[in-house]
Amino acid sequence: ALLRFTEKRFGVLLGTIVWAVCQVIPVV
């Protein structure tokens, strides 16, 4: 649904950033 209305690059950026945030927060 998301990529119907956005550029595919947005999906790559969104997924990469959120993955990193979720990796860091619990440990810190």
PDB file of all heavy atoms in Angstrom:
ATOM      1  N   ALA A   1       0.827  -1.206   0.000  1.00  0.00           N
ATOM      2  CA  ALA A   1       0.000   0.000   0.000  1.00  0.00           C
ATOM      3  C   ALA A   1       0.863   1.260   0.000  1.00  0.00           C
ATOM      4  O   ALA A   1       0.601   2.210  -0.750  1.00  0.00           O
ATOM      5  CB  ALA A   1      -0.917  -0.003   1.216  1.00  0.00           C
ATOM      6  N   LEU A   2       1.909   1.275   0.813  1.00  0.00           N
ATOM      7  CA  LEU A   2       2.761   2.456   0.954  1.00  0.00           C
ATOM      8  C   LEU A   2       3.433   2.836  -0.358  1.00  0.00           C
ATOM      9  O   LEU A   2       3.461   4.012  -0.750  1.00  0.00           O
ATOM     10  CB  LEU A   2       3.818   2.204   2.032  1.00  0.00           C
ATOM     11  CG  LEU A   2       4.817   3.327   2.308  1.00  0.00           C
ATOM     12  CD1 LEU A   2       4.113   4.508   2.964  1.00  0.00           C
ATOM     13  CD2 LEU A   2       5.947   2.821   3.203  1.00  0.00           C
ATOM     14  N   LEU A   3       3.975   1.836  -1.052  1.00  0.00           N
ATOM     15  CA  LEU A   3       4.746   2.120  -2.263  1.00  0.00           C
ATOM     16  C   LEU A   3       3.869   2.444  -3.465  1.00  0.00           C
ATOM     17  O   LEU A   3       4.369   2.776  -4.527  1.00  0.00           O
ATOM     18  CB  LEU A   3       5.679   0.948  -2.582  1.00  0.00           C
ATOM     19  CG  LEU A   3       6.750   0.670  -1.528  1.00  0.00           C
ATOM     20  CD1 LEU A   3       7.717  -0.394  -2.019  1.00  0.00           C
ATOM     21  CD2 LEU A   3       7.507   1.932  -1.150  1.00  0.00           C
ATOM     22  N   ARG A   4       2.542   2.343  -3.301  1.00  0.00           N
ATOM     23  CA  ARG A   4       1.652   2.815  -4.349  1.00  0.00           C
ATOM     24  C   ARG A   4       1.651   4.350  -4.423  1.00  0.00           C
ATOM     25  O   ARG A   4       1.378   4.925  -5.466  1.00  0.00           O
ATOM     26  CB  ARG A   4       0.215   2.355  -4.051  1.00  0.00           C
ATOM     27  CG  ARG A   4      -0.226   1.171  -4.894  1.00  0.00           C
ATOM     28  CD  ARG A   4      -1.702   0.895  -4.723  1.00  0.00           C
ATOM     29  NE  ARG A   4      -1.882  -0.516  -4.458  1.00  0.00           N
ATOM     30  CZ  ARG A   4      -2.732  -1.021  -3.593  1.00  0.00           C
ATOM     31  NH1 ARG A   4      -3.480  -0.228  -2.861  1.00  0.00           N
ATOM     32  NH2 ARG A   4      -2.826  -2.313  -3.426  1.00  0.00           N
ATOM     33  N   PHE A   5       1.937   4.975  -3.290  1.00  0.00           N
ATOM     34  CA  PHE A   5       1.799   6.432  -3.194  1.00  0.00           C
ATOM     35  C   PHE A   5       3.119   7.143  -2.916  1.00  0.00           C
ATOM     36  O   PHE A   5       3.163   8.372  -2.862  1.00  0.00           O
ATOM     37  CB  PHE A   5       0.789   6.780  -2.093  1.00  0.00           C
ATOM     38  CG  PHE A   5      -0.535   6.087  -2.242  1.00  0.00           C
ATOM     39  CD1 PHE A   5      -0.871   5.007  -1.445  1.00  0.00           C
ATOM     40  CD2 PHE A   5      -1.445   6.501  -3.216  1.00  0.00           C
ATOM     41  CE1 PHE A   5      -2.095   4.357  -1.589  1.00  0.00           C
ATOM     42  CE2 PHE A   5      -2.655   5.857  -3.357  1.00  0.00           C
ATOM     43  CZ  PHE A   5      -2.988   4.787  -2.564  1.00  0.00           C
ATOM     44  N   THR A   6       4.194   6.403  -2.712  1.00  0.00           N
ATOM     45  CA  THR A   6       5.490   7.017  -2.442  1.00  0.00           C
ATOM     46  C   THR A   6       6.538   6.430  -3.382  1.00  0.00           C
ATOM     47  O   THR A   6       6.298   5.419  -4.044  1.00  0.00           O
ATOM     48  CB  THR A   6       5.942   6.770  -0.990  1.00  0.00           C
ATOM     49  OG1 THR A   6       6.186   5.360  -0.810  1.00  0.00           O
ATOM     50  CG2 THR A   6       4.889   7.224   0.008  1.00  0.00           C
ATOM     51  N   GLU A   7       7.689   7.046  -3.407  1.00  0.00           N
ATOM     52  CA  GLU A   7       8.810   6.471  -4.142  1.00  0.00           C
ATOM     53  C   GLU A   7       9.371   5.284  -3.368  1.00  0.00           C
ATOM     54  O   GLU A   7       9.307   5.246  -2.124  1.00  0.00           O
ATOM     55  CB  GLU A   7       9.901   7.517  -4.350  1.00  0.00           C
ATOM     56  CG  GLU A   7       9.501   8.680  -5.248  1.00  0.00           C
ATOM     57  CD  GLU A   7       9.279   8.269  -6.691  1.00  0.00           C
ATOM     58  OE1 GLU A   7       9.686   7.156  -7.074  1.00  0.00           O
ATOM     59  OE2 GLU A   7       8.691   9.077  -7.445  1.00  0.00           O
ATOM     60  N   LYS A   8       9.925   4.324  -4.089  1.00  0.00           N
ATOM     61  CA  LYS A   8      10.470   3.136  -3.429  1.00  0.00           C
ATOM     62  C   LYS A   8      11.642   3.493  -2.515  1.00  0.00           C
ATOM     63  O   LYS A   8      11.874   2.822  -1.502  1.00  0.00           O
ATOM     64  CB  LYS A   8      10.882   2.103  -4.475  1.00  0.00           C
ATOM     65  CG  LYS A   8       9.700   1.571  -5.275  1.00  0.00           C
ATOM     66  CD  LYS A   8      10.126   0.649  -6.409  1.00  0.00           C
ATOM     67  CE  LYS A   8       8.911   0.213  -7.226  1.00  0.00           C
ATOM     68  NZ  LYS A   8       9.260  -0.666  -8.351  1.00  0.00           N
ATOM     69  N   ARG A   9      12.366   4.541  -2.856  1.00  0.00           N
ATOM     70  CA  ARG A   9      13.482   4.960  -2.012  1.00  0.00           C
ATOM     71  C   ARG A   9      13.006   5.300  -0.602  1.00  0.00           C
ATOM     72  O   ARG A   9      13.723   5.059   0.380  1.00  0.00           O
ATOM     73  CB  ARG A   9      14.192   6.168  -2.639  1.00  0.00           C
ATOM     74  CG  ARG A   9      15.445   6.591  -1.892  1.00  0.00           C
ATOM     75  CD  ARG A   9      16.120   7.780  -2.538  1.00  0.00           C
ATOM     76  NE  ARG A   9      15.371   9.018  -2.329  1.00  0.00           N
ATOM     77  CZ  ARG A   9      15.843  10.219  -2.637  1.00  0.00           C
ATOM     78  NH1 ARG A   9      17.047  10.349  -3.185  1.00  0.00           N
ATOM     79  NH2 ARG A   9      15.111  11.301  -2.430  1.00  0.00           N
ATOM     80  N   PHE A  10      11.815   5.864  -0.479  1.00  0.00           N
ATOM     81  CA  PHE A  10      11.276   6.205   0.840  1.00  0.00           C
ATOM     82  C   PHE A  10      11.134   4.960   1.706  1.00  0.00           C
ATOM     83  O   PHE A  10      11.432   4.983   2.908  1.00  0.00           O
ATOM     84  CB  PHE A  10       9.913   6.895   0.691  1.00  0.00           C
ATOM     85  CG  PHE A  10       9.234   7.178   2.010  1.00  0.00           C
ATOM     86  CD1 PHE A  10       9.646   8.230   2.805  1.00  0.00           C
ATOM     87  CD2 PHE A  10       8.191   6.374   2.454  1.00  0.00           C
ATOM     88  CE1 PHE A  10       9.026   8.484   4.023  1.00  0.00           C
ATOM     89  CE2 PHE A  10       7.566   6.608   3.664  1.00  0.00           C
ATOM     90  CZ  PHE A  10       7.985   7.672   4.454  1.00  0.00           C
ATOM     91  N   GLY A  11      10.686   3.864   1.113  1.00  0.00           N
ATOM     92  CA  GLY A  11      10.545   2.623   1.876  1.00  0.00           C
ATOM     93  C   GLY A  11      11.876   2.112   2.394  1.00  0.00           C
ATOM     94  O   GLY A  11      11.977   1.638   3.527  1.00  0.00           O
ATOM     95  N   VAL A  12      12.918   2.192   1.556  1.00  0.00           N
ATOM     96  CA  VAL A  12      14.246   1.747   1.972  1.00  0.00           C
ATOM     97  C   VAL A  12      14.775   2.610   3.114  1.00  0.00           C
ATOM     98  O   VAL A  12      15.323   2.100   4.105  1.00  0.00           O
ATOM     99  CB  VAL A  12      15.219   1.774   0.773  1.00  0.00           C
ATOM    100  CG1 VAL A  12      16.644   1.562   1.225  1.00  0.00           C
ATOM    101  CG2 VAL A  12      14.843   0.705  -0.241  1.00  0.00           C
ATOM    102  N   LEU A  13      14.629   3.919   2.993  1.00  0.00           N
ATOM    103  CA  LEU A  13      15.114   4.817   4.043  1.00  0.00           C
ATOM    104  C   LEU A  13      14.357   4.603   5.347  1.00  0.00           C
ATOM    105  O   LEU A  13      14.949   4.529   6.429  1.00  0.00           O
ATOM    106  CB  LEU A  13      14.973   6.269   3.583  1.00  0.00           C
ATOM    107  CG  LEU A  13      15.888   6.707   2.439  1.00  0.00           C
ATOM    108  CD1 LEU A  13      15.480   8.087   1.932  1.00  0.00           C
ATOM    109  CD2 LEU A  13      17.342   6.727   2.907  1.00  0.00           C
ATOM    110  N   LEU A  14      13.029   4.511   5.260  1.00  0.00           N
ATOM    111  CA  LEU A  14      12.202   4.327   6.451  1.00  0.00           C
ATOM    112  C   LEU A  14      12.572   3.050   7.184  1.00  0.00           C
ATOM    113  O   LEU A  14      12.783   3.048   8.407  1.00  0.00           O
ATOM    114  CB  LEU A  14      10.728   4.300   6.051  1.00  0.00           C
ATOM    115  CG  LEU A  14       9.721   4.051   7.178  1.00  0.00           C
ATOM    116  CD1 LEU A  14       9.723   5.215   8.159  1.00  0.00           C
ATOM    117  CD2 LEU A  14       8.315   3.841   6.591  1.00  0.00           C
ATOM    118  N   GLY A  15      12.659   1.945   6.460  1.00  0.00           N
ATOM    119  CA  GLY A  15      12.965   0.662   7.085  1.00  0.00           C
ATOM    120  C   GLY A  15      14.344   0.630   7.720  1.00  0.00           C
ATOM    121  O   GLY A  15      14.523   0.100   8.828  1.00  0.00           O
ATOM    122  N   THR A  16      15.334   1.195   7.049  1.00  0.00           N
ATOM    123  CA  THR A  16      16.704   1.183   7.568  1.00  0.00           C
ATOM    124  C   THR A  16      16.816   1.992   8.852  1.00  0.00           C
ATOM    125  O   THR A  16      17.427   1.552   9.836  1.00  0.00           O
ATOM    126  CB  THR A  16      17.680   1.745   6.519  1.00  0.00           C
ATOM    127  OG1 THR A  16      17.588   0.960   5.327  1.00  0.00           O
ATOM    128  CG2 THR A  16      19.112   1.722   7.034  1.00  0.00           C
ATOM    129  N   ILE A  17      16.218   3.168   8.872  1.00  0.00           N
ATOM    130  CA  ILE A  17      16.315   4.043  10.042  1.00  0.00           C
ATOM    131  C   ILE A  17      15.609   3.444  11.252  1.00  0.00           C
ATOM    132  O   ILE A  17      16.150   3.417  12.368  1.00  0.00           O
ATOM    133  CB  ILE A  17      15.752   5.436   9.709  1.00  0.00           C
ATOM    134  CG1 ILE A  17      16.665   6.138   8.691  1.00  0.00           C
ATOM    135  CG2 ILE A  17      15.621   6.288  10.973  1.00  0.00           C
ATOM    136  CD1 ILE A  17      16.075   7.399   8.099  1.00  0.00           C
ATOM    137  N   VAL A  18      14.396   2.937  11.049  1.00  0.00           N
ATOM    138  CA  VAL A  18      13.655   2.381  12.185  1.00  0.00           C
ATOM    139  C   VAL A  18      14.333   1.121  12.708  1.00  0.00           C
ATOM    140  O   VAL A  18      14.375   0.892  13.924  1.00  0.00           O
ATOM    141  CB  VAL A  18      12.187   2.101  11.785  1.00  0.00           C
ATOM    142  CG1 VAL A  18      11.447   1.396  12.924  1.00  0.00           C
ATOM    143  CG2 VAL A  18      11.481   3.397  11.428  1.00  0.00           C
ATOM    144  N   TRP A  19      14.884   0.293  11.818  1.00  0.00           N
ATOM    145  CA  TRP A  19      15.606  -0.895  12.277  1.00  0.00           C
ATOM    146  C   TRP A  19      16.747  -0.503  13.216  1.00  0.00           C
ATOM    147  O   TRP A  19      16.932  -1.101  14.275  1.00  0.00           O
ATOM    148  CB  TRP A  19      16.172  -1.666  11.083  1.00  0.00           C
ATOM    149  CG  TRP A  19      16.897  -2.920  11.480  1.00  0.00           C
ATOM    150  CD1 TRP A  19      16.362  -4.173  11.597  1.00  0.00           C
ATOM    151  CD2 TRP A  19      18.284  -3.038  11.846  1.00  0.00           C
ATOM    152  NE1 TRP A  19      17.315  -5.065  12.009  1.00  0.00           N
ATOM    153  CE2 TRP A  19      18.507  -4.401  12.183  1.00  0.00           C
ATOM    154  CE3 TRP A  19      19.334  -2.147  11.944  1.00  0.00           C
ATOM    155  CZ2 TRP A  19      19.758  -4.868  12.582  1.00  0.00           C
ATOM    156  CZ3 TRP A  19      20.578  -2.615  12.348  1.00  0.00           C
ATOM    157  CH2 TRP A  19      20.790  -3.961  12.666  1.00  0.00           C
ATOM    158  N   ALA A  20      17.520   0.502  12.829  1.00  0.00           N
ATOM    159  CA  ALA A  20      18.657   0.921  13.640  1.00  0.00           C
ATOM    160  C   ALA A  20      18.212   1.463  14.990  1.00  0.00           C
ATOM    161  O   ALA A  20      18.818   1.169  16.027  1.00  0.00           O
ATOM    162  CB  ALA A  20      19.467   1.975  12.879  1.00  0.00           C
ATOM    163  N   VAL A  21      17.145   2.257  15.003  1.00  0.00           N
ATOM    164  CA  VAL A  21      16.636   2.818  16.259  1.00  0.00           C
ATOM    165  C   VAL A  21      16.208   1.713  17.214  1.00  0.00           C
ATOM    166  O   VAL A  21      16.522   1.729  18.414  1.00  0.00           O
ATOM    167  CB  VAL A  21      15.476   3.792  15.972  1.00  0.00           C
ATOM    168  CG1 VAL A  21      14.771   4.183  17.273  1.00  0.00           C
ATOM    169  CG2 VAL A  21      15.982   5.033  15.255  1.00  0.00           C
ATOM    170  N   CYS A  22      15.480   0.724  16.682  1.00  0.00           N
ATOM    171  CA  CYS A  22      15.020  -0.387  17.528  1.00  0.00           C
ATOM    172  C   CYS A  22      16.165  -1.273  17.993  1.00  0.00           C
ATOM    173  O   CYS A  22      16.040  -1.968  19.008  1.00  0.00           O
ATOM    174  CB  CYS A  22      13.992  -1.233  16.770  1.00  0.00           C
ATOM    175  SG  CYS A  22      12.414  -0.411  16.492  1.00  0.00           S
ATOM    176  N   GLN A  23      17.276  -1.267  17.265  1.00  0.00           N
ATOM    177  CA  GLN A  23      18.445  -2.051  17.661  1.00  0.00           C
ATOM    178  C   GLN A  23      19.164  -1.401  18.841  1.00  0.00           C
ATOM    179  O   GLN A  23      19.683  -2.084  19.716  1.00  0.00           O
ATOM    180  CB  GLN A  23      19.406  -2.171  16.474  1.00  0.00           C
ATOM    181  CG  GLN A  23      20.577  -3.106  16.680  1.00  0.00           C
ATOM    182  CD  GLN A  23      20.186  -4.561  16.534  1.00  0.00           C
ATOM    183  OE1 GLN A  23      19.030  -4.874  16.253  1.00  0.00           O
ATOM    184  NE2 GLN A  23      21.123  -5.459  16.726  1.00  0.00           N
ATOM    185  N   VAL A  24      19.165  -0.080  18.867  1.00  0.00           N
ATOM    186  CA  VAL A  24      19.954   0.648  19.854  1.00  0.00           C
ATOM    187  C   VAL A  24      19.218   0.839  21.180  1.00  0.00           C
ATOM    188  O   VAL A  24      19.789   0.638  22.259  1.00  0.00           O
ATOM    189  CB  VAL A  24      20.366   2.027  19.286  1.00  0.00           C
ATOM    190  CG1 VAL A  24      20.964   2.905  20.374  1.00  0.00           C
ATOM    191  CG2 VAL A  24      21.356   1.852  18.154  1.00  0.00           C
ATOM    192  N   ILE A  25      17.949   1.239  21.108  1.00  0.00           N
ATOM    193  CA  ILE A  25      17.250   1.712  22.314  1.00  0.00           C
ATOM    194  C   ILE A  25      17.223   0.694  23.453  1.00  0.00           C
ATOM    195  O   ILE A  25      17.561   1.034  24.601  1.00  0.00           O
ATOM    196  CB  ILE A  25      15.826   2.165  21.948  1.00  0.00           C
ATOM    197  CG1 ILE A  25      15.899   3.472  21.148  1.00  0.00           C
ATOM    198  CG2 ILE A  25      14.982   2.373  23.204  1.00  0.00           C
ATOM    199  CD1 ILE A  25      14.555   3.996  20.694  1.00  0.00           C
ATOM    200  N   PRO A  26      16.828  -0.582  23.231  1.00  0.00           N
ATOM    201  CA  PRO A  26      16.776  -1.504  24.381  1.00  0.00           C
ATOM    202  C   PRO A  26      18.120  -1.681  25.072  1.00  0.00           C
ATOM    203  O   PRO A  26      18.192  -1.702  26.311  1.00  0.00           O
ATOM    204  CB  PRO A  26      16.295  -2.819  23.752  1.00  0.00           C
ATOM    205  CG  PRO A  26      15.585  -2.412  22.516  1.00  0.00           C
ATOM    206  CD  PRO A  26      16.337  -1.223  22.000  1.00  0.00           C
ATOM    207  N   VAL A  27      19.203  -1.801  24.292  1.00  0.00           N
ATOM    208  CA  VAL A  27      20.524  -2.019  24.886  1.00  0.00           C
ATOM    209  C   VAL A  27      20.963  -0.790  25.679  1.00  0.00           C
ATOM    210  O   VAL A  27      21.434  -0.891  26.817  1.00  0.00           O
ATOM    211  CB  VAL A  27      21.558  -2.364  23.799  1.00  0.00           C
ATOM    212  CG1 VAL A  27      22.957  -2.413  24.412  1.00  0.00           C
ATOM    213  CG2 VAL A  27      21.216  -3.689  23.134  1.00  0.00           C
ATOM    214  N   VAL A  28      20.799   0.389  25.086  1.00  0.00           N
ATOM    215  CA  VAL A  28      21.223   1.618  25.766  1.00  0.00           C
ATOM    216  C   VAL A  28      20.429   1.837  27.046  1.00  0.00           C
ATOM    217  O   VAL A  28      20.991   2.185  28.098  1.00  0.00           O
ATOM    218  CB  VAL A  28      21.083   2.828  24.817  1.00  0.00           C
ATOM    219  CG1 VAL A  28      21.293   4.136  25.579  1.00  0.00           C
ATOM    220  CG2 VAL A  28      22.077   2.722  23.674  1.00  0.00           C
TER     221      VAL A  28
END
